[in-house]
Amino acid sequence: MFIVQVAKPQARTQLGSDLIRIDHLGSYACRNVYDRPEAKLSEHATAEALDVAGFRLADGTDVTVLKGWKEQKPRGDYIRAIFRESCPYFGNSIGPDYNAAHANHFHFGMRGVGFCR
């Protein structure tokens, strides 16, 4: 739903091209949060999260979280809108402003309700 209702329409409206690919860093990795031995099990350990690194458009444009987050119009506006509008679709959305570990990707998780930073 997020892709069809948010990511694709925003790409067309803000960047003037169709979204054709979402680049990700993966979903499943059996580990604790931040790989810390004392931490709780990560959402990635049960494949309940996806780390999204960027978006590719039909015209060849690549918009990455790492670069786009700091840019202005139009790519920066697009990447920040995508993140902001992800919040109602996921139990938690974590982005570059949360901490350095998320500087290059959005963490879209299924656990929890309404955590959006």
PDB file of N, CA and C in Angstrom:
ATOM      1  N   MET A   1       0.824  -1.194   0.000  1.00  0.00           N
ATOM      2  CA  MET A   1       0.000   0.000   0.000  1.00  0.00           C
ATOM      3  C   MET A   1       0.868   1.258   0.000  1.00  0.00           C
ATOM      4  N   PHE A   2       1.949   1.238   0.781  1.00  0.00           N
ATOM      5  CA  PHE A   2       2.829   2.400   0.854  1.00  0.00           C
ATOM      6  C   PHE A   2       3.405   2.747  -0.524  1.00  0.00           C
ATOM      7  N   ILE A   3       3.809   1.747  -1.264  1.00  0.00           N
ATOM      8  CA  ILE A   3       4.400   1.989  -2.580  1.00  0.00           C
ATOM      9  C   ILE A   3       3.368   2.570  -3.542  1.00  0.00           C
ATOM     10  N   VAL A   4       2.196   1.951  -3.577  1.00  0.00           N
ATOM     11  CA  VAL A   4       1.156   2.371  -4.513  1.00  0.00           C
ATOM     12  C   VAL A   4       0.525   3.701  -4.120  1.00  0.00           C
ATOM     13  N   GLN A   5       0.323   3.917  -2.827  1.00  0.00           N
ATOM     14  CA  GLN A   5      -0.380   5.121  -2.384  1.00  0.00           C
ATOM     15  C   GLN A   5       0.530   6.308  -2.071  1.00  0.00           C
ATOM     16  N   VAL A   6       1.819   6.054  -1.855  1.00  0.00           N
ATOM     17  CA  VAL A   6       2.720   7.148  -1.475  1.00  0.00           C
ATOM     18  C   VAL A   6       3.921   7.266  -2.418  1.00  0.00           C
ATOM     19  N   ALA A   7       4.772   6.248  -2.442  1.00  0.00           N
ATOM     20  CA  ALA A   7       6.048   6.353  -3.158  1.00  0.00           C
ATOM     21  C   ALA A   7       5.879   6.610  -4.656  1.00  0.00           C
ATOM     22  N   LYS A   8       4.988   5.869  -5.306  1.00  0.00           N
ATOM     23  CA  LYS A   8       4.786   6.065  -6.748  1.00  0.00           C
ATOM     24  C   LYS A   8       4.130   7.407  -7.075  1.00  0.00           C
ATOM     25  N   PRO A   9       3.030   7.768  -6.434  1.00  0.00           N
ATOM     26  CA  PRO A   9       2.426   9.067  -6.763  1.00  0.00           C
ATOM     27  C   PRO A   9       3.342  10.258  -6.456  1.00  0.00           C
ATOM     28  N   GLN A  10       4.102  10.177  -5.369  1.00  0.00           N
ATOM     29  CA  GLN A  10       5.020  11.262  -5.025  1.00  0.00           C
ATOM     30  C   GLN A  10       6.130  11.400  -6.067  1.00  0.00           C
ATOM     31  N   ALA A  11       6.617  10.276  -6.590  1.00  0.00           N
ATOM     32  CA  ALA A  11       7.658  10.325  -7.623  1.00  0.00           C
ATOM     33  C   ALA A  11       7.137  11.035  -8.864  1.00  0.00           C
ATOM     34  N   ARG A  12       5.946  10.685  -9.271  1.00  0.00           N
ATOM     35  CA  ARG A  12       5.344  11.293 -10.459  1.00  0.00           C
ATOM     36  C   ARG A  12       5.101  12.787 -10.224  1.00  0.00           C
ATOM     37  N   THR A  13       4.537  13.138  -9.079  1.00  0.00           N
ATOM     38  CA  THR A  13       4.196  14.534  -8.775  1.00  0.00           C
ATOM     39  C   THR A  13       5.436  15.394  -8.549  1.00  0.00           C
ATOM     40  N   GLN A  14       6.343  14.931  -7.711  1.00  0.00           N
ATOM     41  CA  GLN A  14       7.480  15.769  -7.321  1.00  0.00           C
ATOM     42  C   GLN A  14       8.672  15.690  -8.267  1.00  0.00           C
ATOM     43  N   LEU A  15       8.870  14.525  -8.910  1.00  0.00           N
ATOM     44  CA  LEU A  15      10.053  14.349  -9.741  1.00  0.00           C
ATOM     45  C   LEU A  15       9.739  14.166 -11.214  1.00  0.00           C
ATOM     46  N   GLY A  16       8.460  14.020 -11.549  1.00  0.00           N
ATOM     47  CA  GLY A  16       8.044  13.938 -12.943  1.00  0.00           C
ATOM     48  C   GLY A  16       8.415  12.666 -13.661  1.00  0.00           C
ATOM     49  N   SER A  17       8.612  11.580 -12.922  1.00  0.00           N
ATOM     50  CA  SER A  17       8.952  10.298 -13.536  1.00  0.00           C
ATOM     51  C   SER A  17       8.381   9.170 -12.692  1.00  0.00           C
ATOM     52  N   ASP A  18       8.229   8.016 -13.314  1.00  0.00           N
ATOM     53  CA  ASP A  18       7.671   6.866 -12.608  1.00  0.00           C
ATOM     54  C   ASP A  18       8.712   6.158 -11.754  1.00  0.00           C
ATOM     55  N   LEU A  19       8.313   5.740 -10.576  1.00  0.00           N
ATOM     56  CA  LEU A  19       9.153   4.925  -9.708  1.00  0.00           C
ATOM     57  C   LEU A  19       9.181   3.511 -10.274  1.00  0.00           C
ATOM     58  N   ILE A  20      10.387   2.998 -10.532  1.00  0.00           N
ATOM     59  CA  ILE A  20      10.484   1.654 -11.114  1.00  0.00           C
ATOM     60  C   ILE A  20      11.219   0.668 -10.207  1.00  0.00           C
ATOM     61  N   ARG A  21      11.921   1.186  -9.188  1.00  0.00           N
ATOM     62  CA  ARG A  21      12.689   0.281  -8.337  1.00  0.00           C
ATOM     63  C   ARG A  21      12.935   0.912  -6.972  1.00  0.00           C
ATOM     64  N   ILE A  22      12.906   0.068  -5.961  1.00  0.00           N
ATOM     65  CA  ILE A  22      13.273   0.486  -4.615  1.00  0.00           C
ATOM     66  C   ILE A  22      14.517  -0.298  -4.231  1.00  0.00           C
ATOM     67  N   ASP A  23      15.584   0.421  -3.923  1.00  0.00           N
ATOM     68  CA  ASP A  23      16.831  -0.228  -3.519  1.00  0.00           C
ATOM     69  C   ASP A  23      16.803  -0.420  -2.010  1.00  0.00           C
ATOM     70  N   HIS A  24      17.145  -1.626  -1.582  1.00  0.00           N
ATOM     71  CA  HIS A  24      17.089  -1.911  -0.146  1.00  0.00           C
ATOM     72  C   HIS A  24      18.359  -2.598   0.316  1.00  0.00           C
ATOM     73  N   LEU A  25      18.541  -2.606   1.614  1.00  0.00           N
ATOM     74  CA  LEU A  25      19.709  -3.235   2.227  1.00  0.00           C
ATOM     75  C   LEU A  25      19.368  -4.584   2.823  1.00  0.00           C
ATOM     76  N   GLY A  26      18.129  -4.986   2.686  1.00  0.00           N
ATOM     77  CA  GLY A  26      17.717  -6.294   3.156  1.00  0.00           C
ATOM     78  C   GLY A  26      16.638  -6.257   4.206  1.00  0.00           C
ATOM     79  N   SER A  27      16.151  -7.437   4.490  1.00  0.00           N
ATOM     80  CA  SER A  27      15.085  -7.603   5.464  1.00  0.00           C
ATOM     81  C   SER A  27      15.511  -8.552   6.574  1.00  0.00           C
ATOM     82  N   TYR A  28      15.958  -9.741   6.195  1.00  0.00           N
ATOM     83  CA  TYR A  28      16.279 -10.764   7.188  1.00  0.00           C
ATOM     84  C   TYR A  28      17.751 -10.761   7.557  1.00  0.00           C
ATOM     85  N   ALA A  29      18.011 -10.665   8.842  1.00  0.00           N
ATOM     86  CA  ALA A  29      19.359 -10.820   9.397  1.00  0.00           C
ATOM     87  C   ALA A  29      19.173 -11.234  10.848  1.00  0.00           C
ATOM     88  N   CYS A  30      19.487 -12.456  11.164  1.00  0.00           N
ATOM     89  CA  CYS A  30      19.253 -12.967  12.513  1.00  0.00           C
ATOM     90  C   CYS A  30      20.260 -12.344  13.484  1.00  0.00           C
ATOM     91  N   ARG A  31      19.783 -11.318  14.206  1.00  0.00           N
ATOM     92  CA  ARG A  31      20.660 -10.577  15.099  1.00  0.00           C
ATOM     93  C   ARG A  31      19.845  -9.789  16.113  1.00  0.00           C
ATOM     94  N   ASN A  32      20.532  -9.280  17.109  1.00  0.00           N
ATOM     95  CA  ASN A  32      19.921  -8.366  18.073  1.00  0.00           C
ATOM     96  C   ASN A  32      20.001  -6.941  17.527  1.00  0.00           C
ATOM     97  N   VAL A  33      19.272  -6.022  18.142  1.00  0.00           N
ATOM     98  CA  VAL A  33      19.315  -4.629  17.746  1.00  0.00           C
ATOM     99  C   VAL A  33      20.753  -4.127  17.854  1.00  0.00           C
ATOM    100  N   TYR A  34      21.237  -3.504  16.772  1.00  0.00           N
ATOM    101  CA  TYR A  34      22.609  -2.983  16.685  1.00  0.00           C
ATOM    102  C   TYR A  34      23.662  -4.055  16.979  1.00  0.00           C
ATOM    103  N   ASP A  35      23.309  -5.318  16.849  1.00  0.00           N
ATOM    104  CA  ASP A  35      24.227  -6.442  17.095  1.00  0.00           C
ATOM    105  C   ASP A  35      24.784  -6.466  18.516  1.00  0.00           C
ATOM    106  N   ARG A  36      24.103  -5.852  19.438  1.00  0.00           N
ATOM    107  CA  ARG A  36      24.557  -5.835  20.831  1.00  0.00           C
ATOM    108  C   ARG A  36      24.064  -7.092  21.539  1.00  0.00           C
ATOM    109  N   PRO A  37      24.937  -7.798  22.245  1.00  0.00           N
ATOM    110  CA  PRO A  37      24.565  -9.049  22.919  1.00  0.00           C
ATOM    111  C   PRO A  37      23.432  -8.882  23.930  1.00  0.00           C
ATOM    112  N   GLU A  38      23.369  -7.744  24.608  1.00  0.00           N
ATOM    113  CA  GLU A  38      22.354  -7.530  25.647  1.00  0.00           C
ATOM    114  C   GLU A  38      21.041  -6.946  25.104  1.00  0.00           C
ATOM    115  N   ALA A  39      21.007  -6.597  23.832  1.00  0.00           N
ATOM    116  CA  ALA A  39      19.825  -5.972  23.242  1.00  0.00           C
ATOM    117  C   ALA A  39      18.755  -7.005  22.901  1.00  0.00           C
ATOM    118  N   LYS A  40      17.546  -6.512  22.704  1.00  0.00           N
ATOM    119  CA  LYS A  40      16.454  -7.397  22.298  1.00  0.00           C
ATOM    120  C   LYS A  40      16.623  -7.805  20.842  1.00  0.00           C
ATOM    121  N   LEU A  41      15.898  -8.812  20.438  1.00  0.00           N
ATOM    122  CA  LEU A  41      15.945  -9.326  19.078  1.00  0.00           C
ATOM    123  C   LEU A  41      15.469  -8.244  18.103  1.00  0.00           C
ATOM    124  N   SER A  42      16.218  -8.033  17.061  1.00  0.00           N
ATOM    125  CA  SER A  42      15.874  -7.050  16.038  1.00  0.00           C
ATOM    126  C   SER A  42      14.662  -7.509  15.233  1.00  0.00           C
ATOM    127  N   GLU A  43      13.936  -6.576  14.673  1.00  0.00           N
ATOM    128  CA  GLU A  43      12.853  -6.917  13.744  1.00  0.00           C
ATOM    129  C   GLU A  43      13.408  -7.651  12.524  1.00  0.00           C
ATOM    130  N   HIS A  44      14.646  -7.389  12.194  1.00  0.00           N
ATOM    131  CA  HIS A  44      15.270  -8.075  11.061  1.00  0.00           C
ATOM    132  C   HIS A  44      15.463  -9.570  11.336  1.00  0.00           C
ATOM    133  N   ALA A  45      15.560  -9.942  12.586  1.00  0.00           N
ATOM    134  CA  ALA A  45      15.752 -11.354  12.936  1.00  0.00           C
ATOM    135  C   ALA A  45      14.536 -12.190  12.571  1.00  0.00           C
ATOM    136  N   THR A  46      13.391 -11.553  12.446  1.00  0.00           N
ATOM    137  CA  THR A  46      12.162 -12.251  12.063  1.00  0.00           C
ATOM    138  C   THR A  46      11.600 -11.722  10.744  1.00  0.00           C
ATOM    139  N   ALA A  47      12.425 -10.994   9.997  1.00  0.00           N
ATOM    140  CA  ALA A  47      12.045 -10.414   8.700  1.00  0.00           C
ATOM    141  C   ALA A  47      10.801  -9.536   8.805  1.00  0.00           C
ATOM    142  N   GLU A  48      10.712  -8.790   9.900  1.00  0.00           N
ATOM    143  CA  GLU A  48       9.583  -7.872  10.096  1.00  0.00           C
ATOM    144  C   GLU A  48       9.981  -6.424   9.836  1.00  0.00           C
ATOM    145  N   ALA A  49      11.090  -6.232   9.116  1.00  0.00           N
ATOM    146  CA  ALA A  49      11.540  -4.880   8.788  1.00  0.00           C
ATOM    147  C   ALA A  49      12.280  -4.911   7.458  1.00  0.00           C
ATOM    148  N   LEU A  50      12.256  -3.776   6.791  1.00  0.00           N
ATOM    149  CA  LEU A  50      12.975  -3.605   5.536  1.00  0.00           C
ATOM    150  C   LEU A  50      13.751  -2.300   5.618  1.00  0.00           C
ATOM    151  N   ASP A  51      15.022  -2.337   5.256  1.00  0.00           N
ATOM    152  CA  ASP A  51      15.852  -1.137   5.217  1.00  0.00           C
ATOM    153  C   ASP A  51      15.930  -0.649   3.775  1.00  0.00           C
ATOM    154  N   VAL A  52      15.347   0.521   3.520  1.00  0.00           N
ATOM    155  CA  VAL A  52      15.276   1.088   2.175  1.00  0.00           C
ATOM    156  C   VAL A  52      16.355   2.150   2.009  1.00  0.00           C
ATOM    157  N   ALA A  53      17.195   1.970   0.990  1.00  0.00           N
ATOM    158  CA  ALA A  53      18.318   2.873   0.760  1.00  0.00           C
ATOM    159  C   ALA A  53      18.054   3.920  -0.315  1.00  0.00           C
ATOM    160  N   GLY A  54      17.131   3.643  -1.230  1.00  0.00           N
ATOM    161  CA  GLY A  54      16.890   4.609  -2.289  1.00  0.00           C
ATOM    162  C   GLY A  54      15.799   4.202  -3.246  1.00  0.00           C
ATOM    163  N   PHE A  55      15.563   5.087  -4.203  1.00  0.00           N
ATOM    164  CA  PHE A  55      14.483   4.927  -5.172  1.00  0.00           C
ATOM    165  C   PHE A  55      15.026   5.234  -6.562  1.00  0.00           C
ATOM    166  N   ARG A  56      14.668   4.395  -7.531  1.00  0.00           N
ATOM    167  CA  ARG A  56      15.117   4.589  -8.904  1.00  0.00           C
ATOM    168  C   ARG A  56      13.908   4.897  -9.780  1.00  0.00           C
ATOM    169  N   LEU A  57      14.072   5.889 -10.654  1.00  0.00           N
ATOM    170  CA  LEU A  57      12.983   6.340 -11.508  1.00  0.00           C
ATOM    171  C   LEU A  57      13.198   5.940 -12.958  1.00  0.00           C
ATOM    172  N   ALA A  58      12.137   5.953 -13.729  1.00  0.00           N
ATOM    173  CA  ALA A  58      12.174   5.535 -15.133  1.00  0.00           C
ATOM    174  C   ALA A  58      13.116   6.392 -15.965  1.00  0.00           C
ATOM    175  N   ASP A  59      13.300   7.655 -15.599  1.00  0.00           N
ATOM    176  CA  ASP A  59      14.182   8.535 -16.371  1.00  0.00           C
ATOM    177  C   ASP A  59      15.655   8.378 -16.000  1.00  0.00           C
ATOM    178  N   GLY A  60      15.965   7.405 -15.140  1.00  0.00           N
ATOM    179  CA  GLY A  60      17.340   7.144 -14.747  1.00  0.00           C
ATOM    180  C   GLY A  60      17.774   7.830 -13.464  1.00  0.00           C
ATOM    181  N   THR A  61      16.915   8.644 -12.899  1.00  0.00           N
ATOM    182  CA  THR A  61      17.234   9.336 -11.658  1.00  0.00           C
ATOM    183  C   THR A  61      17.305   8.352 -10.498  1.00  0.00           C
ATOM    184  N   ASP A  62      18.351   8.478  -9.697  1.00  0.00           N
ATOM    185  CA  ASP A  62      18.481   7.728  -8.450  1.00  0.00           C
ATOM    186  C   ASP A  62      18.372   8.721  -7.304  1.00  0.00           C
ATOM    187  N   VAL A  63      17.509   8.417  -6.361  1.00  0.00           N
ATOM    188  CA  VAL A  63      17.378   9.250  -5.169  1.00  0.00           C
ATOM    189  C   VAL A  63      17.721   8.362  -3.983  1.00  0.00           C
ATOM    190  N   THR A  64      18.861   8.640  -3.351  1.00  0.00           N
ATOM    191  CA  THR A  64      19.265   7.841  -2.210  1.00  0.00           C
ATOM    192  C   THR A  64      18.922   8.561  -0.916  1.00  0.00           C
ATOM    193  N   VAL A  65      18.711   7.795   0.122  1.00  0.00           N
ATOM    194  CA  VAL A  65      18.435   8.380   1.431  1.00  0.00           C
ATOM    195  C   VAL A  65      19.650   9.176   1.891  1.00  0.00           C
ATOM    196  N   LEU A  66      20.840   8.620   1.719  1.00  0.00           N
ATOM    197  CA  LEU A  66      22.057   9.265   2.194  1.00  0.00           C
ATOM    198  C   LEU A  66      22.241  10.665   1.612  1.00  0.00           C
ATOM    199  N   LYS A  67      22.124  10.794   0.303  1.00  0.00           N
ATOM    200  CA  LYS A  67      22.321  12.099  -0.342  1.00  0.00           C
ATOM    201  C   LYS A  67      21.034  12.929  -0.353  1.00  0.00           C
ATOM    202  N   GLY A  68      19.927  12.290  -0.640  1.00  0.00           N
ATOM    203  CA  GLY A  68      18.659  13.005  -0.791  1.00  0.00           C
ATOM    204  C   GLY A  68      18.172  13.678   0.476  1.00  0.00           C
ATOM    205  N   TRP A  69      18.447  13.074   1.623  1.00  0.00           N
ATOM    206  CA  TRP A  69      17.973  13.617   2.892  1.00  0.00           C
ATOM    207  C   TRP A  69      18.478  15.039   3.117  1.00  0.00           C
ATOM    208  N   LYS A  70      19.679  15.330   2.607  1.00  0.00           N
ATOM    209  CA  LYS A  70      20.305  16.634   2.822  1.00  0.00           C
ATOM    210  C   LYS A  70      20.072  17.609   1.673  1.00  0.00           C
ATOM    211  N   GLU A  71      19.561  17.111   0.556  1.00  0.00           N
ATOM    212  CA  GLU A  71      19.337  17.960  -0.613  1.00  0.00           C
ATOM    213  C   GLU A  71      18.076  18.800  -0.457  1.00  0.00           C
ATOM    214  N   GLN A  72      17.981  19.802  -1.311  1.00  0.00           N
ATOM    215  CA  GLN A  72      16.776  20.613  -1.375  1.00  0.00           C
ATOM    216  C   GLN A  72      15.889  20.064  -2.486  1.00  0.00           C
ATOM    217  N   LYS A  73      15.148  20.921  -3.138  1.00  0.00           N
ATOM    218  CA  LYS A  73      14.217  20.506  -4.180  1.00  0.00           C
ATOM    219  C   LYS A  73      14.962  19.932  -5.363  1.00  0.00           C
ATOM    220  N   PRO A  74      14.388  19.038  -6.102  1.00  0.00           N
ATOM    221  CA  PRO A  74      13.177  18.284  -5.805  1.00  0.00           C
ATOM    222  C   PRO A  74      13.458  16.972  -5.064  1.00  0.00           C
ATOM    223  N   ARG A  75      14.689  16.459  -5.186  1.00  0.00           N
ATOM    224  CA  ARG A  75      15.001  15.149  -4.593  1.00  0.00           C
ATOM    225  C   ARG A  75      14.856  15.147  -3.077  1.00  0.00           C
ATOM    226  N   GLY A  76      15.353  16.177  -2.433  1.00  0.00           N
ATOM    227  CA  GLY A  76      15.250  16.253  -0.971  1.00  0.00           C
ATOM    228  C   GLY A  76      13.812  16.303  -0.507  1.00  0.00           C
ATOM    229  N   ASP A  77      13.004  17.086  -1.210  1.00  0.00           N
ATOM    230  CA  ASP A  77      11.584  17.159  -0.861  1.00  0.00           C
ATOM    231  C   ASP A  77      10.925  15.793  -1.009  1.00  0.00           C
ATOM    232  N   TYR A  78      11.282  15.087  -2.087  1.00  0.00           N
ATOM    233  CA  TYR A  78      10.704  13.761  -2.328  1.00  0.00           C
ATOM    234  C   TYR A  78      11.087  12.790  -1.216  1.00  0.00           C
ATOM    235  N   ILE A  79      12.372  12.703  -0.905  1.00  0.00           N
ATOM    236  CA  ILE A  79      12.827  11.699   0.062  1.00  0.00           C
ATOM    237  C   ILE A  79      12.265  11.988   1.452  1.00  0.00           C
ATOM    238  N   ARG A  80      12.178  13.253   1.821  1.00  0.00           N
ATOM    239  CA  ARG A  80      11.617  13.601   3.137  1.00  0.00           C
ATOM    240  C   ARG A  80      10.103  13.373   3.173  1.00  0.00           C
ATOM    241  N   ALA A  81       9.418  13.630   2.067  1.00  0.00           N
ATOM    242  CA  ALA A  81       7.972  13.362   2.004  1.00  0.00           C
ATOM    243  C   ALA A  81       7.697  11.866   2.102  1.00  0.00           C
ATOM    244  N   ILE A  82       8.504  11.078   1.408  1.00  0.00           N
ATOM    245  CA  ILE A  82       8.346   9.623   1.462  1.00  0.00           C
ATOM    246  C   ILE A  82       8.473   9.141   2.904  1.00  0.00           C
ATOM    247  N   PHE A  83       9.485   9.629   3.596  1.00  0.00           N
ATOM    248  CA  PHE A  83       9.667   9.204   4.984  1.00  0.00           C
ATOM    249  C   PHE A  83       8.500   9.665   5.857  1.00  0.00           C
ATOM    250  N   ARG A  84       8.152  10.920   5.771  1.00  0.00           N
ATOM    251  CA  ARG A  84       7.067  11.478   6.592  1.00  0.00           C
ATOM    252  C   ARG A  84       5.758  10.709   6.374  1.00  0.00           C
ATOM    253  N   GLU A  85       5.475  10.391   5.128  1.00  0.00           N
ATOM    254  CA  GLU A  85       4.220   9.711   4.805  1.00  0.00           C
ATOM    255  C   GLU A  85       4.287   8.204   5.044  1.00  0.00           C
ATOM    256  N   SER A  86       5.452   7.676   5.370  1.00  0.00           N
ATOM    257  CA  SER A  86       5.562   6.242   5.670  1.00  0.00           C
ATOM    258  C   SER A  86       4.990   5.906   7.037  1.00  0.00           C
ATOM    259  N   CYS A  87       4.968   6.867   7.918  1.00  0.00           N
ATOM    260  CA  CYS A  87       4.626   6.616   9.323  1.00  0.00           C
ATOM    261  C   CYS A  87       3.288   5.907   9.541  1.00  0.00           C
ATOM    262  N   PRO A  88       2.228   6.281   8.870  1.00  0.00           N
ATOM    263  CA  PRO A  88       0.963   5.560   9.093  1.00  0.00           C
ATOM    264  C   PRO A  88       0.936   4.129   8.537  1.00  0.00           C
ATOM    265  N   TYR A  89       1.883   3.793   7.686  1.00  0.00           N
ATOM    266  CA  TYR A  89       1.888   2.485   7.038  1.00  0.00           C
ATOM    267  C   TYR A  89       2.678   1.427   7.808  1.00  0.00           C
ATOM    268  N   PHE A  90       3.559   1.863   8.685  1.00  0.00           N
ATOM    269  CA  PHE A  90       4.436   0.941   9.387  1.00  0.00           C
ATOM    270  C   PHE A  90       4.320   1.142  10.890  1.00  0.00           C
ATOM    271  N   GLY A  91       4.625   0.114  11.642  1.00  0.00           N
ATOM    272  CA  GLY A  91       4.617   0.231  13.099  1.00  0.00           C
ATOM    273  C   GLY A  91       5.699   1.167  13.584  1.00  0.00           C
ATOM    274  N   ASN A  92       6.797   1.221  12.830  1.00  0.00           N
ATOM    275  CA  ASN A  92       7.856   2.166  13.144  1.00  0.00           C
ATOM    276  C   ASN A  92       8.613   2.525  11.882  1.00  0.00           C
ATOM    277  N   SER A  93       8.943   3.784  11.766  1.00  0.00           N
ATOM    278  CA  SER A  93       9.747   4.303  10.670  1.00  0.00           C
ATOM    279  C   SER A  93      10.902   5.069  11.297  1.00  0.00           C
ATOM    280  N   ILE A  94      12.113   4.654  10.956  1.00  0.00           N
ATOM    281  CA  ILE A  94      13.303   5.292  11.514  1.00  0.00           C
ATOM    282  C   ILE A  94      14.152   5.797  10.358  1.00  0.00           C
ATOM    283  N   GLY A  95      14.581   7.059  10.445  1.00  0.00           N
ATOM    284  CA  GLY A  95      15.351   7.663   9.370  1.00  0.00           C
ATOM    285  C   GLY A  95      16.627   8.323   9.840  1.00  0.00           C
ATOM    286  N   PRO A  96      17.259   9.080   8.957  1.00  0.00           N
ATOM    287  CA  PRO A  96      18.558   9.695   9.242  1.00  0.00           C
ATOM    288  C   PRO A  96      18.592  10.626  10.452  1.00  0.00           C
ATOM    289  N   ASP A  97      17.510  11.264  10.790  1.00  0.00           N
ATOM    290  CA  ASP A  97      17.516  12.166  11.943  1.00  0.00           C
ATOM    291  C   ASP A  97      17.487  11.416  13.273  1.00  0.00           C
ATOM    292  N   TYR A  98      17.200  10.121  13.247  1.00  0.00           N
ATOM    293  CA  TYR A  98      17.124   9.356  14.486  1.00  0.00           C
ATOM    294  C   TYR A  98      18.514   9.099  15.074  1.00  0.00           C
ATOM    295  N   ASN A  99      19.415   8.560  14.239  1.00  0.00           N
ATOM    296  CA  ASN A  99      20.795   8.340  14.688  1.00  0.00           C
ATOM    297  C   ASN A  99      21.694   8.056  13.485  1.00  0.00           C
ATOM    298  N   ALA A 100      22.984   8.037  13.731  1.00  0.00           N
ATOM    299  CA  ALA A 100      23.958   7.841  12.655  1.00  0.00           C
ATOM    300  C   ALA A 100      23.821   6.483  11.975  1.00  0.00           C
ATOM    301  N   ALA A 101      23.344   5.484  12.695  1.00  0.00           N
ATOM    302  CA  ALA A 101      23.184   4.147  12.112  1.00  0.00           C
ATOM    303  C   ALA A 101      22.162   4.129  10.974  1.00  0.00           C
ATOM    304  N   HIS A 102      21.288   5.127  10.927  1.00  0.00           N
ATOM    305  CA  HIS A 102      20.253   5.188   9.896  1.00  0.00           C
ATOM    306  C   HIS A 102      20.500   6.333   8.905  1.00  0.00           C
ATOM    307  N   ALA A 103      21.738   6.794   8.798  1.00  0.00           N
ATOM    308  CA  ALA A 103      22.068   7.909   7.907  1.00  0.00           C
ATOM    309  C   ALA A 103      21.839   7.574   6.437  1.00  0.00           C
ATOM    310  N   ASN A 104      21.955   6.305   6.074  1.00  0.00           N
ATOM    311  CA  ASN A 104      21.861   5.935   4.662  1.00  0.00           C
ATOM    312  C   ASN A 104      20.626   5.120   4.298  1.00  0.00           C
ATOM    313  N   HIS A 105      19.690   4.990   5.234  1.00  0.00           N
ATOM    314  CA  HIS A 105      18.492   4.204   4.904  1.00  0.00           C
ATOM    315  C   HIS A 105      17.322   4.521   5.827  1.00  0.00           C
ATOM    316  N   PHE A 106      16.153   4.123   5.362  1.00  0.00           N
ATOM    317  CA  PHE A 106      14.946   4.154   6.189  1.00  0.00           C
ATOM    318  C   PHE A 106      14.712   2.743   6.698  1.00  0.00           C
ATOM    319  N   HIS A 107      14.457   2.619   7.972  1.00  0.00           N
ATOM    320  CA  HIS A 107      14.063   1.342   8.567  1.00  0.00           C
ATOM    321  C   HIS A 107      12.550   1.364   8.673  1.00  0.00           C
ATOM    322  N   PHE A 108      11.885   0.507   7.918  1.00  0.00           N
ATOM    323  CA  PHE A 108      10.430   0.378   7.980  1.00  0.00           C
ATOM    324  C   PHE A 108      10.119  -0.938   8.682  1.00  0.00           C
ATOM    325  N   GLY A 109       9.612  -0.849   9.905  1.00  0.00           N
ATOM    326  CA  GLY A 109       9.349  -2.028  10.711  1.00  0.00           C
ATOM    327  C   GLY A 109       7.873  -2.245  10.962  1.00  0.00           C
ATOM    328  N   MET A 110       7.535  -3.475  11.292  1.00  0.00           N
ATOM    329  CA  MET A 110       6.136  -3.841  11.505  1.00  0.00           C
ATOM    330  C   MET A 110       5.731  -3.867  12.970  1.00  0.00           C
ATOM    331  N   ARG A 111       6.693  -3.894  13.891  1.00  0.00           N
ATOM    332  CA  ARG A 111       6.356  -3.934  15.307  1.00  0.00           C
ATOM    333  C   ARG A 111       6.034  -2.543  15.819  1.00  0.00           C
ATOM    334  N   GLY A 112       5.261  -2.505  16.869  1.00  0.00           N
ATOM    335  CA  GLY A 112       4.948  -1.221  17.488  1.00  0.00           C
ATOM    336  C   GLY A 112       3.870  -0.469  16.743  1.00  0.00           C
ATOM    337  N   VAL A 113       3.584   0.709  17.263  1.00  0.00           N
ATOM    338  CA  VAL A 113       2.567   1.558  16.645  1.00  0.00           C
ATOM    339  C   VAL A 113       3.014   3.010  16.752  1.00  0.00           C
ATOM    340  N   GLY A 114       3.146   3.670  15.633  1.00  0.00           N
ATOM    341  CA  GLY A 114       3.345   5.103  15.616  1.00  0.00           C
ATOM    342  C   GLY A 114       4.711   5.642  15.968  1.00  0.00           C
ATOM    343  N   PHE A 115       5.755   4.820  16.021  1.00  0.00           N
ATOM    344  CA  PHE A 115       7.091   5.344  16.283  1.00  0.00           C
ATOM    345  C   PHE A 115       7.650   5.839  14.964  1.00  0.00           C
ATOM    346  N   CYS A 116       7.850   7.133  14.854  1.00  0.00           N
ATOM    347  CA  CYS A 116       8.280   7.733  13.581  1.00  0.00           C
ATOM    348  C   CYS A 116       9.318   8.805  13.879  1.00  0.00           C
ATOM    349  N   ARG A 117      10.570   8.461  13.650  1.00  0.00           N
ATOM    350  CA  ARG A 117      11.653   9.423  13.922  1.00  0.00           C
ATOM    351  C   ARG A 117      12.724   9.336  12.878  1.00  0.00           C
TER     352      ARG A 117
END
